[in-house]
Amino acid sequence: ITGSKPNLDNPYTIGQIVDPNITVSGIGRGSGIDGVNTNNQYNAKKWDTSSLDTNDFFEFTLTPSIGYEIDFASFVYTSVEHSSITDFAFKSSIDNFSSDIGTPLSGGTTIDLSAAAYQNIATSITFRLYAWGASNSSRTFGIDEFTFNGTVSNFPTCVSTTTWNGSSWDNGIPNINT
C-alpha cells in the first residue's frame, strides 16, 4: 500500500498486481471502524470492543473469471506492531465467516490457505481480518502490505450435453466435456 492517505478510499485499489484471470476488490473496511490518515498504510481506529464485532474488519474479495479457478496457498500481510490491540481473527465467506483460519498477529504473518476448502474456488470469495480489544477507540491498526499467493488456472468447460431419459444417455456417457 503506497500513497498519501489511502484510507480515503474504501476499498483501496491503487497499485494492485493482479492475475489477469481474476478481479479483486483491493482492501476495504467494515462499517464499524473509521479510516485514519496514514501514508503508505491502510489504517483504521475503533477496534476497542471487548469481543469480535462483525462490523470491525479489513476485507478482501477475489473473483475468478468465468472458466477459471483459484487454488490458494497463503495470505501474507505486514503491519506496524499494535500492542494495544489484543485479539485478531481471519475468516472467509466459505462458511459465512464462522471459522477462524490460521493465527493472525498484530505485526503481520503468513496464514496457510492450502486446505481443501480454499482450492478450486470458481466463484467470489471474501476474506476478513478482524481485530478487537484495543484499550480505547483511538487506537489504530493498519495493513502495510498484503499478498494472496496461489495459482489461477482455467478448468474444462462442458462443450456438449448428454441427458438421461430414464433408460439411457442421449449423447453418450457423461465425461469431463459433457
C-alpha atoms as a PDB file:
ATOM      1  CA  ILE A   1       0.000   0.000   0.000  1.00  0.00           C
ATOM      2  CA  THR A   2       1.532   3.252  -1.088  1.00  0.00           C
ATOM      3  CA  GLY A   3       0.459   6.825  -1.280  1.00  0.00           C
ATOM      4  CA  SER A   4      -0.865   9.653   0.763  1.00  0.00           C
ATOM      5  CA  LYS A   5      -3.992   8.903   2.808  1.00  0.00           C
ATOM      6  CA  PRO A   6      -5.056   5.577   1.243  1.00  0.00           C
ATOM      7  CA  ASN A   7      -7.747   5.327   3.933  1.00  0.00           C
ATOM      8  CA  LEU A   8      -9.837   7.845   1.963  1.00  0.00           C
ATOM      9  CA  ASP A   9     -10.697   5.002  -0.451  1.00  0.00           C
ATOM     10  CA  ASN A  10     -12.942   2.184   0.697  1.00  0.00           C
ATOM     11  CA  PRO A  11     -11.797  -0.044  -0.890  1.00  0.00           C
ATOM     12  CA  TYR A  12      -8.242   0.969  -1.716  1.00  0.00           C
ATOM     13  CA  THR A  13      -7.096  -0.475  -5.063  1.00  0.00           C
ATOM     14  CA  ILE A  14      -4.146   1.641  -6.224  1.00  0.00           C
ATOM     15  CA  GLY A  15      -1.032  -0.302  -7.211  1.00  0.00           C
ATOM     16  CA  GLN A  16      -2.581  -3.762  -7.205  1.00  0.00           C
ATOM     17  CA  ILE A  17      -0.785  -6.521  -9.064  1.00  0.00           C
ATOM     18  CA  VAL A  18      -3.453  -8.974 -10.152  1.00  0.00           C
ATOM     19  CA  ASP A  19      -3.590 -12.112 -12.267  1.00  0.00           C
ATOM     20  CA  PRO A  20      -5.473 -11.173 -15.459  1.00  0.00           C
ATOM     21  CA  ASN A  21      -7.962 -14.009 -14.915  1.00  0.00           C
ATOM     22  CA  ILE A  22      -9.375 -12.712 -11.627  1.00  0.00           C
ATOM     23  CA  THR A  23     -10.824  -9.488 -10.297  1.00  0.00           C
ATOM     24  CA  VAL A  24     -10.095  -8.255  -6.790  1.00  0.00           C
ATOM     25  CA  SER A  25     -11.630  -5.655  -4.529  1.00  0.00           C
ATOM     26  CA  GLY A  26      -8.428  -4.310  -3.005  1.00  0.00           C
ATOM     27  CA  ILE A  27      -8.596  -3.726   0.739  1.00  0.00           C
ATOM     28  CA  GLY A  28     -11.756  -2.327   2.289  1.00  0.00           C
ATOM     29  CA  ARG A  29     -13.051  -1.880   5.807  1.00  0.00           C
ATOM     30  CA  GLY A  30     -16.236  -2.696   7.654  1.00  0.00           C
ATOM     31  CA  SER A  31     -18.765  -0.118   8.786  1.00  0.00           C
ATOM     32  CA  GLY A  32     -17.749  -0.334  12.459  1.00  0.00           C
ATOM     33  CA  ILE A  33     -14.295   1.209  12.037  1.00  0.00           C
ATOM     34  CA  ASP A  34     -13.125   4.596  10.759  1.00  0.00           C
ATOM     35  CA  GLY A  35     -10.259   5.248   8.380  1.00  0.00           C
ATOM     36  CA  VAL A  36      -7.228   7.104   9.756  1.00  0.00           C
ATOM     37  CA  ASN A  37      -4.902   9.278   7.659  1.00  0.00           C
ATOM     38  CA  THR A  38      -1.582   7.446   7.441  1.00  0.00           C
ATOM     39  CA  ASN A  39       0.756   7.426   4.466  1.00  0.00           C
ATOM     40  CA  ASN A  40       1.643   4.030   2.951  1.00  0.00           C
ATOM     41  CA  GLN A  41      -0.737   2.098   5.222  1.00  0.00           C
ATOM     42  CA  TYR A  42      -4.448   1.264   5.189  1.00  0.00           C
ATOM     43  CA  ASN A  43      -5.249   2.304   8.739  1.00  0.00           C
ATOM     44  CA  ALA A  44      -8.369   2.467  10.921  1.00  0.00           C
ATOM     45  CA  LYS A  45      -9.490   3.090  14.509  1.00  0.00           C
ATOM     46  CA  LYS A  46     -12.355   1.951  16.789  1.00  0.00           C
ATOM     47  CA  TRP A  47     -11.042  -1.570  17.423  1.00  0.00           C
ATOM     48  CA  ASP A  48     -11.994  -1.200  21.118  1.00  0.00           C
ATOM     49  CA  THR A  49     -14.803  -3.747  21.502  1.00  0.00           C
ATOM     50  CA  SER A  50     -14.268  -6.455  24.117  1.00  0.00           C
ATOM     51  CA  SER A  51     -15.092  -9.253  21.666  1.00  0.00           C
ATOM     52  CA  LEU A  52     -15.227  -9.744  17.907  1.00  0.00           C
ATOM     53  CA  ASP A  53     -17.593  -7.224  16.311  1.00  0.00           C
ATOM     54  CA  THR A  54     -18.834  -8.416  12.913  1.00  0.00           C
ATOM     55  CA  ASN A  55     -18.604  -4.830  11.563  1.00  0.00           C
ATOM     56  CA  ASP A  56     -14.928  -4.287  12.507  1.00  0.00           C
ATOM     57  CA  PHE A  57     -12.710  -5.778   9.799  1.00  0.00           C
ATOM     58  CA  PHE A  58     -10.494  -5.307   6.776  1.00  0.00           C
ATOM     59  CA  GLU A  59     -11.927  -7.127   3.766  1.00  0.00           C
ATOM     60  CA  PHE A  60     -10.605  -8.631   0.514  1.00  0.00           C
ATOM     61  CA  THR A  61     -12.748 -10.188  -2.245  1.00  0.00           C
ATOM     62  CA  LEU A  62     -11.289 -12.253  -5.097  1.00  0.00           C
ATOM     63  CA  THR A  63     -13.358 -13.429  -8.064  1.00  0.00           C
ATOM     64  CA  PRO A  64     -12.057 -15.751 -10.791  1.00  0.00           C
ATOM     65  CA  SER A  65     -13.126 -15.024 -14.367  1.00  0.00           C
ATOM     66  CA  ILE A  66     -15.639 -17.395 -15.950  1.00  0.00           C
ATOM     67  CA  GLY A  67     -13.885 -20.666 -16.722  1.00  0.00           C
ATOM     68  CA  TYR A  68     -11.108 -20.123 -14.148  1.00  0.00           C
ATOM     69  CA  GLU A  69     -10.492 -21.210 -10.583  1.00  0.00           C
ATOM     70  CA  ILE A  70      -8.215 -20.150  -7.745  1.00  0.00           C
ATOM     71  CA  ASP A  71      -6.105 -22.562  -5.703  1.00  0.00           C
ATOM     72  CA  PHE A  72      -4.916 -20.557  -2.705  1.00  0.00           C
ATOM     73  CA  ALA A  73      -1.605 -21.195  -0.954  1.00  0.00           C
ATOM     74  CA  SER A  74      -1.366 -18.396   1.627  1.00  0.00           C
ATOM     75  CA  PHE A  75      -2.276 -14.880   2.712  1.00  0.00           C
ATOM     76  CA  VAL A  76       0.669 -12.754   3.837  1.00  0.00           C
ATOM     77  CA  TYR A  77       0.352  -9.341   5.438  1.00  0.00           C
ATOM     78  CA  THR A  78       2.563  -6.915   7.305  1.00  0.00           C
ATOM     79  CA  SER A  79       1.588  -4.230   9.742  1.00  0.00           C
ATOM     80  CA  VAL A  80       3.117  -1.976  12.350  1.00  0.00           C
ATOM     81  CA  GLU A  81       3.029  -3.807  15.688  1.00  0.00           C
ATOM     82  CA  HIS A  82      -0.058  -2.686  17.618  1.00  0.00           C
ATOM     83  CA  SER A  83       0.395  -3.805  21.215  1.00  0.00           C
ATOM     84  CA  SER A  84      -2.832  -2.156  22.356  1.00  0.00           C
ATOM     85  CA  ILE A  85      -4.952  -4.455  20.183  1.00  0.00           C
ATOM     86  CA  THR A  86      -5.066  -7.882  21.740  1.00  0.00           C
ATOM     87  CA  ASP A  87      -7.173 -10.098  19.506  1.00  0.00           C
ATOM     88  CA  PHE A  88      -7.334 -10.961  15.810  1.00  0.00           C
ATOM     89  CA  ALA A  89      -9.258 -13.389  13.602  1.00  0.00           C
ATOM     90  CA  PHE A  90      -9.084 -14.241   9.890  1.00  0.00           C
ATOM     91  CA  LYS A  91     -12.233 -15.738   8.330  1.00  0.00           C
ATOM     92  CA  SER A  92     -13.803 -16.339   4.922  1.00  0.00           C
ATOM     93  CA  SER A  93     -17.177 -16.297   3.209  1.00  0.00           C
ATOM     94  CA  ILE A  94     -16.870 -20.050   2.508  1.00  0.00           C
ATOM     95  CA  ASP A  95     -18.582 -20.711   5.856  1.00  0.00           C
ATOM     96  CA  ASN A  96     -20.187 -17.287   6.309  1.00  0.00           C
ATOM     97  CA  PHE A  97     -17.231 -16.029   8.386  1.00  0.00           C
ATOM     98  CA  SER A  98     -17.798 -18.512  11.207  1.00  0.00           C
ATOM     99  CA  SER A  99     -14.455 -20.400  11.405  1.00  0.00           C
ATOM    100  CA  ASP A 100     -11.030 -18.978  12.177  1.00  0.00           C
ATOM    101  CA  ILE A 101      -8.258 -19.507   9.644  1.00  0.00           C
ATOM    102  CA  GLY A 102      -4.704 -19.585  10.970  1.00  0.00           C
ATOM    103  CA  THR A 103      -3.378 -17.289  13.681  1.00  0.00           C
ATOM    104  CA  PRO A 104      -3.251 -13.630  12.621  1.00  0.00           C
ATOM    105  CA  LEU A 105      -0.860 -11.404  14.565  1.00  0.00           C
ATOM    106  CA  SER A 106      -0.598  -7.688  15.246  1.00  0.00           C
ATOM    107  CA  GLY A 107       2.589  -7.197  13.220  1.00  0.00           C
ATOM    108  CA  GLY A 108       1.540  -9.470  10.368  1.00  0.00           C
ATOM    109  CA  THR A 109       2.103 -13.099   9.475  1.00  0.00           C
ATOM    110  CA  THR A 110       1.588 -15.781   6.842  1.00  0.00           C
ATOM    111  CA  ILE A 111      -1.729 -17.622   7.003  1.00  0.00           C
ATOM    112  CA  ASP A 112      -1.857 -21.035   5.324  1.00  0.00           C
ATOM    113  CA  LEU A 113      -4.690 -21.372   2.796  1.00  0.00           C
ATOM    114  CA  SER A 114      -3.672 -24.709   1.294  1.00  0.00           C
ATOM    115  CA  ALA A 115      -6.584 -26.605   2.905  1.00  0.00           C
ATOM    116  CA  ALA A 116      -9.075 -28.232   0.543  1.00  0.00           C
ATOM    117  CA  ALA A 117     -11.702 -25.590   1.356  1.00  0.00           C
ATOM    118  CA  TYR A 118      -9.562 -22.958  -0.432  1.00  0.00           C
ATOM    119  CA  GLN A 119      -8.862 -24.966  -3.577  1.00  0.00           C
ATOM    120  CA  ASN A 120     -10.830 -24.982  -6.847  1.00  0.00           C
ATOM    121  CA  ILE A 121     -12.568 -21.691  -5.996  1.00  0.00           C
ATOM    122  CA  ALA A 122     -14.658 -20.844  -9.068  1.00  0.00           C
ATOM    123  CA  THR A 123     -16.838 -18.079  -7.559  1.00  0.00           C
ATOM    124  CA  SER A 124     -16.209 -14.974  -5.457  1.00  0.00           C
ATOM    125  CA  ILE A 125     -14.624 -15.480  -2.066  1.00  0.00           C
ATOM    126  CA  THR A 126     -14.231 -12.821   0.610  1.00  0.00           C
ATOM    127  CA  PHE A 127     -11.695 -12.870   3.424  1.00  0.00           C
ATOM    128  CA  ARG A 128     -11.940 -10.677   6.524  1.00  0.00           C
ATOM    129  CA  LEU A 129      -9.284  -9.764   9.066  1.00  0.00           C
ATOM    130  CA  TYR A 130     -10.971  -8.793  12.358  1.00  0.00           C
ATOM    131  CA  ALA A 131      -9.316  -7.022  15.302  1.00  0.00           C
ATOM    132  CA  TRP A 132     -10.576  -6.060  18.767  1.00  0.00           C
ATOM    133  CA  GLY A 133      -9.508  -5.480  22.346  1.00  0.00           C
ATOM    134  CA  ALA A 134      -7.867  -2.037  21.971  1.00  0.00           C
ATOM    135  CA  SER A 135      -7.651  -0.040  25.181  1.00  0.00           C
ATOM    136  CA  ASN A 136      -9.664   2.831  23.658  1.00  0.00           C
ATOM    137  CA  SER A 137     -11.386   3.857  20.411  1.00  0.00           C
ATOM    138  CA  SER A 138      -8.490   5.999  19.173  1.00  0.00           C
ATOM    139  CA  ARG A 139      -6.083   3.037  18.947  1.00  0.00           C
ATOM    140  CA  THR A 140      -5.286   2.153  15.349  1.00  0.00           C
ATOM    141  CA  PHE A 141      -4.482  -0.936  13.346  1.00  0.00           C
ATOM    142  CA  GLY A 142      -3.392  -0.851   9.739  1.00  0.00           C
ATOM    143  CA  ILE A 143      -2.095  -3.037   6.937  1.00  0.00           C
ATOM    144  CA  ASP A 144       1.164  -2.010   5.252  1.00  0.00           C
ATOM    145  CA  GLU A 145       1.068  -4.637   2.514  1.00  0.00           C
ATOM    146  CA  PHE A 146      -0.685  -7.899   1.698  1.00  0.00           C
ATOM    147  CA  THR A 147      -0.452 -10.720  -0.818  1.00  0.00           C
ATOM    148  CA  PHE A 148      -2.634 -13.694  -1.653  1.00  0.00           C
ATOM    149  CA  ASN A 149      -0.428 -16.476  -3.025  1.00  0.00           C
ATOM    150  CA  GLY A 150      -1.699 -19.345  -5.155  1.00  0.00           C
ATOM    151  CA  THR A 151      -2.491 -20.241  -8.725  1.00  0.00           C
ATOM    152  CA  VAL A 152      -5.221 -19.269 -11.143  1.00  0.00           C
ATOM    153  CA  SER A 153      -5.994 -21.767 -13.861  1.00  0.00           C
ATOM    154  CA  ASN A 154      -8.702 -22.475 -16.363  1.00  0.00           C
ATOM    155  CA  PHE A 155     -10.796 -25.570 -15.944  1.00  0.00           C
ATOM    156  CA  PRO A 156     -12.534 -27.641 -18.569  1.00  0.00           C
ATOM    157  CA  THR A 157     -15.931 -26.399 -19.613  1.00  0.00           C
ATOM    158  CA  CYS A 158     -18.690 -28.528 -20.988  1.00  0.00           C
ATOM    159  CA  VAL A 159     -18.754 -28.380 -24.768  1.00  0.00           C
ATOM    160  CA  SER A 160     -21.812 -30.590 -25.189  1.00  0.00           C
ATOM    161  CA  THR A 161     -24.581 -32.076 -23.108  1.00  0.00           C
ATOM    162  CA  THR A 162     -25.969 -35.520 -22.525  1.00  0.00           C
ATOM    163  CA  THR A 163     -29.303 -36.184 -20.875  1.00  0.00           C
ATOM    164  CA  TRP A 164     -30.568 -39.275 -19.077  1.00  0.00           C
ATOM    165  CA  ASN A 165     -34.017 -40.189 -20.418  1.00  0.00           C
ATOM    166  CA  GLY A 166     -34.774 -42.768 -17.764  1.00  0.00           C
ATOM    167  CA  SER A 167     -33.067 -45.666 -19.508  1.00  0.00           C
ATOM    168  CA  SER A 168     -30.082 -44.301 -21.463  1.00  0.00           C
ATOM    169  CA  TRP A 169     -27.967 -41.220 -22.246  1.00  0.00           C
ATOM    170  CA  ASP A 170     -28.931 -39.359 -25.437  1.00  0.00           C
ATOM    171  CA  ASN A 171     -25.349 -38.274 -26.291  1.00  0.00           C
ATOM    172  CA  GLY A 172     -23.141 -40.936 -24.715  1.00  0.00           C
ATOM    173  CA  ILE A 173     -21.959 -41.422 -21.123  1.00  0.00           C
ATOM    174  CA  PRO A 174     -21.080 -38.130 -19.325  1.00  0.00           C
ATOM    175  CA  ASN A 175     -17.395 -37.223 -19.139  1.00  0.00           C
ATOM    176  CA  ILE A 176     -15.293 -34.137 -18.409  1.00  0.00           C
ATOM    177  CA  ASN A 177     -16.613 -32.437 -21.560  1.00  0.00           C
ATOM    178  CA  THR A 178     -20.348 -33.270 -21.232  1.00  0.00           C
END
